[in-house]
N, C-alpha and C. Protein backbone atom coordinates (compact mmCIF):
# COMPACT_ATOMS: atom_id res chain seq x y z
N MET A 1 0.84 -1.17 0.00
CA MET A 1 0.00 0.00 0.00
C MET A 1 0.89 1.24 0.00
N SER A 2 0.64 2.15 -0.95
CA SER A 2 1.45 3.36 -1.03
C SER A 2 0.84 4.45 -0.16
N VAL A 3 1.71 5.30 0.33
CA VAL A 3 1.28 6.43 1.15
C VAL A 3 1.23 7.65 0.25
N LEU A 4 0.08 8.30 0.21
CA LEU A 4 -0.07 9.50 -0.59
C LEU A 4 0.37 10.71 0.20
N THR A 5 1.13 11.56 -0.46
CA THR A 5 1.52 12.81 0.15
C THR A 5 0.39 13.80 -0.04
N PRO A 6 -0.05 14.46 1.02
CA PRO A 6 -1.13 15.44 0.85
C PRO A 6 -0.67 16.58 -0.05
N PRO A 7 -1.59 17.15 -0.82
CA PRO A 7 -1.20 18.25 -1.70
C PRO A 7 -0.77 19.46 -0.87
N THR A 8 0.20 20.17 -1.40
CA THR A 8 0.64 21.40 -0.76
C THR A 8 -0.27 22.52 -1.21
N ILE A 9 -0.73 23.31 -0.28
CA ILE A 9 -1.66 24.38 -0.58
C ILE A 9 -0.95 25.71 -0.43
N GLN A 10 -1.05 26.53 -1.47
CA GLN A 10 -0.50 27.88 -1.41
C GLN A 10 -1.65 28.86 -1.22
N THR A 11 -1.39 29.88 -0.44
CA THR A 11 -2.36 30.94 -0.18
C THR A 11 -1.71 32.27 -0.54
N ILE A 12 -2.46 33.14 -1.21
CA ILE A 12 -1.98 34.49 -1.49
C ILE A 12 -2.82 35.44 -0.65
N ARG A 13 -2.12 36.34 0.06
CA ARG A 13 -2.83 37.33 0.87
C ARG A 13 -1.96 38.55 1.05
N PRO A 14 -2.58 39.69 1.39
CA PRO A 14 -1.79 40.89 1.67
C PRO A 14 -0.85 40.66 2.84
N LEU A 15 0.31 41.30 2.77
CA LEU A 15 1.22 41.24 3.91
C LEU A 15 0.61 42.01 5.08
N GLN A 16 0.97 41.57 6.27
CA GLN A 16 0.50 42.20 7.50
C GLN A 16 1.71 42.55 8.37
N ALA A 17 1.51 43.42 9.31
CA ALA A 17 2.61 43.87 10.16
C ALA A 17 3.31 42.71 10.86
N ASP A 18 2.57 41.69 11.25
CA ASP A 18 3.20 40.58 11.97
C ASP A 18 3.85 39.55 11.04
N ASP A 19 3.97 39.87 9.76
CA ASP A 19 4.66 38.99 8.80
C ASP A 19 6.14 39.32 8.70
N LEU A 20 6.65 40.14 9.60
CA LEU A 20 8.02 40.61 9.51
C LEU A 20 9.03 39.47 9.44
N ALA A 21 9.00 38.52 10.35
CA ALA A 21 10.01 37.47 10.37
C ALA A 21 10.02 36.65 9.08
N PRO A 22 8.87 36.18 8.58
CA PRO A 22 8.91 35.45 7.31
C PRO A 22 9.36 36.31 6.13
N LEU A 23 9.03 37.61 6.16
CA LEU A 23 9.45 38.49 5.08
C LEU A 23 10.97 38.70 5.11
N VAL A 24 11.53 38.87 6.29
CA VAL A 24 12.99 38.99 6.43
C VAL A 24 13.66 37.73 5.89
N GLU A 25 13.13 36.57 6.23
CA GLU A 25 13.69 35.30 5.76
C GLU A 25 13.60 35.20 4.24
N PHE A 26 12.46 35.58 3.66
CA PHE A 26 12.29 35.55 2.21
C PHE A 26 13.31 36.47 1.54
N PHE A 27 13.42 37.70 2.02
CA PHE A 27 14.38 38.64 1.44
C PHE A 27 15.80 38.09 1.53
N ALA A 28 16.16 37.48 2.65
CA ALA A 28 17.50 36.91 2.79
C ALA A 28 17.75 35.82 1.75
N GLN A 29 16.74 34.99 1.51
CA GLN A 29 16.90 33.91 0.53
C GLN A 29 17.03 34.44 -0.90
N ILE A 30 16.22 35.41 -1.27
CA ILE A 30 16.29 35.88 -2.65
C ILE A 30 17.48 36.82 -2.86
N ALA A 31 17.94 37.49 -1.81
CA ALA A 31 19.09 38.40 -1.95
C ALA A 31 20.37 37.65 -2.26
N ASP A 32 20.41 36.36 -1.96
CA ASP A 32 21.59 35.53 -2.24
C ASP A 32 21.52 34.87 -3.62
N ASP A 33 20.46 35.09 -4.36
CA ASP A 33 20.27 34.43 -5.65
C ASP A 33 20.70 35.36 -6.78
N PRO A 34 21.66 34.93 -7.61
CA PRO A 34 22.15 35.81 -8.70
C PRO A 34 21.05 36.24 -9.68
N GLU A 35 20.11 35.36 -10.00
CA GLU A 35 19.04 35.73 -10.94
C GLU A 35 18.16 36.82 -10.33
N THR A 36 17.84 36.68 -9.05
CA THR A 36 17.03 37.70 -8.38
C THR A 36 17.76 39.03 -8.37
N VAL A 37 19.02 39.02 -7.99
CA VAL A 37 19.81 40.25 -7.92
C VAL A 37 19.86 40.91 -9.30
N ARG A 38 19.93 40.12 -10.34
CA ARG A 38 20.02 40.64 -11.70
C ARG A 38 18.71 41.26 -12.18
N PHE A 39 17.57 40.63 -11.83
CA PHE A 39 16.29 41.00 -12.42
C PHE A 39 15.31 41.70 -11.48
N PHE A 40 15.50 41.61 -10.17
CA PHE A 40 14.50 42.12 -9.23
C PHE A 40 15.16 43.02 -8.21
N HIS A 41 14.97 44.32 -8.36
CA HIS A 41 15.55 45.26 -7.39
C HIS A 41 14.71 46.52 -7.28
N PRO A 42 13.41 46.36 -6.94
CA PRO A 42 12.56 47.54 -6.76
C PRO A 42 12.84 48.27 -5.46
N HIS A 43 13.47 47.59 -4.52
CA HIS A 43 13.80 48.15 -3.22
C HIS A 43 14.85 47.26 -2.58
N PRO A 44 15.47 47.69 -1.50
CA PRO A 44 16.46 46.84 -0.84
C PRO A 44 15.83 45.54 -0.32
N LEU A 45 16.55 44.47 -0.45
CA LEU A 45 16.08 43.16 0.04
C LEU A 45 16.74 42.90 1.39
N THR A 46 16.41 43.77 2.34
CA THR A 46 17.06 43.74 3.64
C THR A 46 16.04 43.63 4.77
N ALA A 47 16.55 43.27 5.93
CA ALA A 47 15.71 43.23 7.12
C ALA A 47 15.22 44.63 7.47
N ASP A 48 16.06 45.64 7.28
CA ASP A 48 15.64 47.01 7.57
C ASP A 48 14.47 47.44 6.68
N PHE A 49 14.54 47.10 5.39
CA PHE A 49 13.44 47.47 4.52
C PHE A 49 12.18 46.68 4.90
N ALA A 50 12.32 45.40 5.21
CA ALA A 50 11.16 44.59 5.62
C ALA A 50 10.51 45.21 6.86
N GLN A 51 11.31 45.66 7.80
CA GLN A 51 10.77 46.28 9.02
C GLN A 51 10.05 47.58 8.66
N TRP A 52 10.66 48.41 7.81
CA TRP A 52 10.05 49.66 7.38
C TRP A 52 8.73 49.37 6.69
N LEU A 53 8.71 48.39 5.79
CA LEU A 53 7.50 48.07 5.05
C LEU A 53 6.39 47.57 5.98
N CYS A 54 6.71 46.62 6.82
CA CYS A 54 5.69 46.06 7.73
C CYS A 54 5.12 47.13 8.66
N ALA A 55 5.94 48.10 9.04
CA ALA A 55 5.48 49.16 9.93
C ALA A 55 4.49 50.10 9.25
N ARG A 56 4.49 50.16 7.91
CA ARG A 56 3.62 51.11 7.23
C ARG A 56 2.50 50.46 6.43
N LEU A 57 2.33 49.17 6.55
CA LEU A 57 1.31 48.47 5.75
C LEU A 57 -0.10 48.98 6.00
N ASP A 58 -0.39 49.42 7.22
CA ASP A 58 -1.73 49.92 7.53
C ASP A 58 -2.00 51.31 6.96
N SER A 59 -0.95 52.02 6.54
CA SER A 59 -1.15 53.40 6.10
C SER A 59 -0.84 53.61 4.61
N THR A 60 -0.47 52.58 3.90
CA THR A 60 -0.12 52.73 2.49
C THR A 60 -1.30 52.40 1.58
N ARG A 61 -1.37 53.10 0.46
CA ARG A 61 -2.34 52.76 -0.58
C ARG A 61 -1.77 51.70 -1.52
N ASP A 62 -0.45 51.63 -1.60
CA ASP A 62 0.20 50.58 -2.38
C ASP A 62 -0.11 49.23 -1.75
N GLU A 63 0.04 48.18 -2.52
CA GLU A 63 -0.27 46.84 -2.01
C GLU A 63 0.94 45.94 -2.10
N TYR A 64 1.18 45.20 -1.03
CA TYR A 64 2.25 44.22 -0.96
C TYR A 64 1.61 42.92 -0.51
N PHE A 65 1.92 41.85 -1.19
CA PHE A 65 1.26 40.58 -0.90
C PHE A 65 2.27 39.44 -1.06
N ALA A 66 1.89 38.29 -0.52
CA ALA A 66 2.79 37.14 -0.56
C ALA A 66 2.01 35.87 -0.81
N MET A 67 2.72 34.93 -1.42
CA MET A 67 2.21 33.57 -1.56
C MET A 67 2.87 32.76 -0.45
N TRP A 68 2.02 32.09 0.31
CA TRP A 68 2.46 31.34 1.47
C TRP A 68 2.30 29.85 1.23
N GLU A 69 3.22 29.10 1.80
CA GLU A 69 3.12 27.64 1.81
C GLU A 69 3.71 27.15 3.12
N GLN A 70 2.90 26.49 3.90
CA GLN A 70 3.33 25.93 5.18
C GLN A 70 4.04 26.97 6.06
N GLY A 71 3.47 28.17 6.14
CA GLY A 71 4.00 29.21 7.00
C GLY A 71 5.20 29.96 6.45
N GLN A 72 5.62 29.64 5.23
CA GLN A 72 6.78 30.29 4.62
C GLN A 72 6.33 31.08 3.39
N ILE A 73 6.94 32.23 3.18
CA ILE A 73 6.69 32.99 1.95
C ILE A 73 7.51 32.36 0.83
N ILE A 74 6.81 31.99 -0.25
CA ILE A 74 7.52 31.44 -1.41
C ILE A 74 7.47 32.40 -2.60
N GLY A 75 6.61 33.44 -2.52
CA GLY A 75 6.52 34.44 -3.57
C GLY A 75 6.05 35.76 -2.98
N TYR A 76 6.47 36.83 -3.61
CA TYR A 76 6.22 38.18 -3.10
C TYR A 76 5.84 39.06 -4.28
N GLY A 77 4.82 39.86 -4.08
CA GLY A 77 4.39 40.76 -5.15
C GLY A 77 4.00 42.12 -4.61
N MET A 78 3.91 43.08 -5.54
CA MET A 78 3.55 44.43 -5.14
C MET A 78 2.85 45.15 -6.27
N LEU A 79 2.02 46.09 -5.88
CA LEU A 79 1.41 47.06 -6.78
C LEU A 79 1.74 48.42 -6.18
N ARG A 80 2.62 49.15 -6.83
CA ARG A 80 3.08 50.42 -6.27
C ARG A 80 2.75 51.57 -7.20
N GLY A 81 2.78 52.77 -6.63
CA GLY A 81 2.55 53.98 -7.39
C GLY A 81 1.36 54.78 -6.90
N TRP A 82 0.40 54.10 -6.27
CA TRP A 82 -0.76 54.80 -5.75
C TRP A 82 -0.36 55.81 -4.68
N ASP A 83 0.60 55.47 -3.84
CA ASP A 83 1.05 56.42 -2.80
C ASP A 83 1.62 57.70 -3.41
N GLU A 84 2.22 57.58 -4.58
CA GLU A 84 2.81 58.74 -5.24
C GLU A 84 1.80 59.49 -6.10
N GLY A 85 0.54 59.01 -6.13
CA GLY A 85 -0.50 59.70 -6.87
C GLY A 85 -0.75 59.19 -8.28
N TYR A 86 -0.08 58.12 -8.68
CA TYR A 86 -0.30 57.57 -10.01
C TYR A 86 -1.61 56.80 -10.08
N ASP A 87 -2.29 56.89 -11.22
CA ASP A 87 -3.51 56.11 -11.44
C ASP A 87 -3.20 54.69 -11.90
N VAL A 88 -2.03 54.52 -12.50
CA VAL A 88 -1.62 53.22 -13.04
C VAL A 88 -0.58 52.62 -12.10
N PRO A 89 -0.92 51.54 -11.42
CA PRO A 89 0.06 50.92 -10.52
C PRO A 89 1.11 50.15 -11.29
N SER A 90 2.27 50.01 -10.67
CA SER A 90 3.37 49.21 -11.22
C SER A 90 3.43 47.89 -10.47
N PHE A 91 3.49 46.81 -11.23
CA PHE A 91 3.52 45.45 -10.69
C PHE A 91 4.96 44.96 -10.60
N GLY A 92 5.25 44.24 -9.53
CA GLY A 92 6.52 43.55 -9.38
C GLY A 92 6.30 42.24 -8.67
N VAL A 93 7.12 41.25 -8.97
CA VAL A 93 6.96 39.92 -8.38
C VAL A 93 8.29 39.20 -8.32
N CYS A 94 8.43 38.34 -7.32
CA CYS A 94 9.62 37.52 -7.17
C CYS A 94 9.26 36.22 -6.46
N LEU A 95 9.90 35.15 -6.85
CA LEU A 95 9.68 33.84 -6.23
C LEU A 95 11.00 33.28 -5.72
N LEU A 96 10.90 32.41 -4.72
CA LEU A 96 12.09 31.69 -4.29
C LEU A 96 12.64 30.90 -5.48
N PRO A 97 13.95 30.85 -5.65
CA PRO A 97 14.51 30.19 -6.82
C PRO A 97 13.99 28.76 -7.08
N PRO A 98 13.90 27.90 -6.07
CA PRO A 98 13.44 26.55 -6.40
C PRO A 98 11.94 26.46 -6.75
N ARG A 99 11.21 27.55 -6.57
CA ARG A 99 9.77 27.55 -6.82
C ARG A 99 9.40 28.23 -8.14
N ARG A 100 10.39 28.62 -8.90
CA ARG A 100 10.13 29.23 -10.20
C ARG A 100 9.74 28.14 -11.20
N SER A 101 9.09 28.54 -12.24
CA SER A 101 8.65 27.63 -13.32
C SER A 101 7.60 26.62 -12.85
N GLU A 102 6.88 26.96 -11.79
CA GLU A 102 5.79 26.11 -11.30
C GLU A 102 4.43 26.77 -11.47
N GLY A 103 4.39 27.94 -12.10
CA GLY A 103 3.14 28.65 -12.31
C GLY A 103 2.76 29.62 -11.20
N HIS A 104 3.59 29.72 -10.16
CA HIS A 104 3.25 30.59 -9.04
C HIS A 104 3.29 32.07 -9.42
N GLY A 105 4.23 32.44 -10.29
CA GLY A 105 4.30 33.84 -10.74
C GLY A 105 3.02 34.25 -11.46
N GLN A 106 2.48 33.34 -12.26
CA GLN A 106 1.23 33.63 -12.96
C GLN A 106 0.07 33.77 -11.98
N ARG A 107 0.07 32.96 -10.95
CA ARG A 107 -0.98 33.08 -9.92
C ARG A 107 -0.87 34.42 -9.20
N LEU A 108 0.34 34.84 -8.89
CA LEU A 108 0.53 36.14 -8.25
C LEU A 108 0.12 37.28 -9.18
N LEU A 109 0.40 37.14 -10.46
CA LEU A 109 -0.02 38.17 -11.43
C LEU A 109 -1.54 38.22 -11.52
N ARG A 110 -2.20 37.08 -11.58
CA ARG A 110 -3.67 37.07 -11.61
C ARG A 110 -4.25 37.76 -10.37
N TYR A 111 -3.67 37.47 -9.22
CA TYR A 111 -4.10 38.10 -7.97
C TYR A 111 -3.94 39.62 -8.08
N ALA A 112 -2.79 40.07 -8.56
CA ALA A 112 -2.54 41.50 -8.68
C ALA A 112 -3.52 42.16 -9.65
N LEU A 113 -3.79 41.51 -10.77
CA LEU A 113 -4.73 42.07 -11.74
C LEU A 113 -6.13 42.16 -11.15
N GLU A 114 -6.52 41.19 -10.37
CA GLU A 114 -7.83 41.25 -9.71
C GLU A 114 -7.87 42.39 -8.70
N ARG A 115 -6.79 42.58 -7.96
CA ARG A 115 -6.73 43.70 -7.01
C ARG A 115 -6.85 45.03 -7.76
N CYS A 116 -6.19 45.14 -8.91
CA CYS A 116 -6.29 46.36 -9.72
C CYS A 116 -7.73 46.61 -10.14
N ARG A 117 -8.39 45.56 -10.61
CA ARG A 117 -9.79 45.70 -11.06
C ARG A 117 -10.69 46.13 -9.90
N LEU A 118 -10.49 45.51 -8.75
CA LEU A 118 -11.31 45.85 -7.58
C LEU A 118 -11.09 47.30 -7.15
N ARG A 119 -9.93 47.83 -7.39
CA ARG A 119 -9.62 49.21 -7.00
C ARG A 119 -9.90 50.20 -8.12
N GLY A 120 -10.42 49.72 -9.24
CA GLY A 120 -10.81 50.62 -10.32
C GLY A 120 -9.69 51.06 -11.24
N ALA A 121 -8.54 50.41 -11.17
CA ALA A 121 -7.45 50.76 -12.08
C ALA A 121 -7.82 50.34 -13.50
N ARG A 122 -7.53 51.19 -14.44
CA ARG A 122 -7.84 50.90 -15.85
C ARG A 122 -6.67 50.24 -16.57
N ARG A 123 -5.47 50.39 -16.00
CA ARG A 123 -4.26 49.82 -16.58
C ARG A 123 -3.32 49.39 -15.47
N VAL A 124 -2.38 48.54 -15.83
CA VAL A 124 -1.28 48.19 -14.94
C VAL A 124 -0.01 48.18 -15.78
N ARG A 125 1.09 48.55 -15.15
CA ARG A 125 2.37 48.61 -15.86
C ARG A 125 3.40 47.77 -15.13
N LEU A 126 4.47 47.49 -15.82
CA LEU A 126 5.61 46.80 -15.23
C LEU A 126 6.85 47.13 -16.03
N THR A 127 7.98 46.91 -15.43
CA THR A 127 9.26 47.02 -16.11
C THR A 127 9.92 45.66 -16.01
N VAL A 128 10.48 45.21 -17.14
CA VAL A 128 11.11 43.90 -17.19
C VAL A 128 12.38 44.01 -18.04
N TYR A 129 13.39 43.26 -17.67
CA TYR A 129 14.60 43.21 -18.48
C TYR A 129 14.33 42.43 -19.76
N ARG A 130 14.84 42.94 -20.87
CA ARG A 130 14.64 42.30 -22.17
C ARG A 130 15.10 40.84 -22.16
N ASP A 131 16.19 40.55 -21.45
CA ASP A 131 16.73 39.19 -21.47
C ASP A 131 16.15 38.30 -20.37
N ASN A 132 15.11 38.76 -19.69
CA ASN A 132 14.39 37.91 -18.74
C ASN A 132 13.30 37.19 -19.54
N ASP A 133 13.74 36.23 -20.34
CA ASP A 133 12.85 35.58 -21.31
C ASP A 133 11.61 34.96 -20.68
N ARG A 134 11.80 34.31 -19.55
CA ARG A 134 10.67 33.65 -18.89
C ARG A 134 9.59 34.67 -18.53
N ALA A 135 9.99 35.79 -17.93
CA ALA A 135 9.02 36.81 -17.52
C ALA A 135 8.38 37.48 -18.73
N VAL A 136 9.18 37.85 -19.73
CA VAL A 136 8.62 38.50 -20.91
C VAL A 136 7.59 37.60 -21.58
N HIS A 137 7.88 36.32 -21.67
CA HIS A 137 6.94 35.36 -22.27
C HIS A 137 5.61 35.34 -21.50
N ILE A 138 5.69 35.26 -20.19
CA ILE A 138 4.46 35.21 -19.37
C ILE A 138 3.67 36.50 -19.51
N TYR A 139 4.35 37.63 -19.44
CA TYR A 139 3.63 38.92 -19.53
C TYR A 139 2.97 39.07 -20.90
N ARG A 140 3.63 38.64 -21.95
CA ARG A 140 3.00 38.68 -23.28
C ARG A 140 1.77 37.79 -23.33
N LYS A 141 1.87 36.64 -22.70
CA LYS A 141 0.75 35.70 -22.65
C LYS A 141 -0.48 36.34 -21.99
N PHE A 142 -0.24 37.21 -21.01
CA PHE A 142 -1.31 37.90 -20.31
C PHE A 142 -1.82 39.12 -21.08
N GLY A 143 -1.12 39.50 -22.15
CA GLY A 143 -1.57 40.61 -22.97
C GLY A 143 -0.82 41.91 -22.81
N PHE A 144 0.25 41.93 -22.04
CA PHE A 144 1.04 43.15 -21.90
C PHE A 144 1.64 43.53 -23.24
N VAL A 145 1.62 44.82 -23.52
CA VAL A 145 2.22 45.37 -24.73
C VAL A 145 3.47 46.13 -24.29
N PHE A 146 4.58 45.87 -24.97
CA PHE A 146 5.87 46.40 -24.54
C PHE A 146 6.37 47.53 -25.42
N THR A 147 7.01 48.50 -24.76
CA THR A 147 7.76 49.55 -25.44
C THR A 147 9.12 49.62 -24.76
N PRO A 148 10.15 50.03 -25.51
CA PRO A 148 11.48 50.11 -24.90
C PRO A 148 11.53 51.20 -23.83
N LYS A 149 12.15 50.88 -22.71
CA LYS A 149 12.42 51.88 -21.68
C LYS A 149 13.83 52.42 -21.89
N ASN A 150 14.74 51.50 -22.15
CA ASN A 150 16.13 51.81 -22.47
C ASN A 150 16.69 50.59 -23.19
N GLU A 151 17.99 50.52 -23.37
CA GLU A 151 18.55 49.40 -24.14
C GLU A 151 18.46 48.06 -23.40
N ARG A 152 18.22 48.07 -22.10
CA ARG A 152 18.16 46.82 -21.33
C ARG A 152 16.76 46.44 -20.86
N GLU A 153 15.85 47.44 -20.77
CA GLU A 153 14.54 47.19 -20.16
C GLU A 153 13.40 47.54 -21.09
N LEU A 154 12.27 46.88 -20.82
CA LEU A 154 11.01 47.15 -21.50
C LEU A 154 10.00 47.60 -20.47
N VAL A 155 9.06 48.44 -20.90
CA VAL A 155 7.90 48.79 -20.08
C VAL A 155 6.71 48.08 -20.68
N GLY A 156 6.01 47.33 -19.85
CA GLY A 156 4.81 46.64 -20.29
C GLY A 156 3.58 47.32 -19.75
N MET A 157 2.57 47.46 -20.60
CA MET A 157 1.29 48.04 -20.19
C MET A 157 0.18 47.05 -20.55
N LEU A 158 -0.78 46.95 -19.65
CA LEU A 158 -1.94 46.10 -19.88
C LEU A 158 -3.19 46.90 -19.56
N ASP A 159 -4.07 47.03 -20.54
CA ASP A 159 -5.36 47.66 -20.31
C ASP A 159 -6.28 46.65 -19.64
N LEU A 160 -6.97 47.09 -18.61
CA LEU A 160 -7.88 46.21 -17.87
C LEU A 160 -9.30 46.46 -18.32
N PRO A 161 -10.11 45.42 -18.41
CA PRO A 161 -11.52 45.63 -18.80
C PRO A 161 -12.22 46.55 -17.81
N GLY A 162 -13.08 47.42 -18.34
CA GLY A 162 -13.76 48.40 -17.49
C GLY A 162 -14.95 47.92 -16.78
């Protein structure tokens, strides 16, 4: 008789002030990954930044969220720009290296797009490196249209249904 392993369940939810320790751990793990360092740097991946972020989650219009599995953050996403007065939020996402290519980034993107719709955003934008083939492919699949930002980066825009 074989023993079945129970399915692992991932949950996506907004970050909360008491998520500091798991967020610090997540940042430490991704800060040591060369691919993350190369492609994901919207803010410092430090304990100090995690503390600053968790302390202001109740007062920000921007959104920060995480994908959780068994009490650990395996993916992190954000919608930023509302605090600065922009109508179009900027999306960013990162996953733990061993959890990439499992569809979790797409789930986090779907979550972010739903949050944008619920908040009345008409568009969402992102910046991606041209040579981040995996991300560019996924964003195109979702309908993002790209224009050059500079010789290394693209800006993607997606119109949301009204």
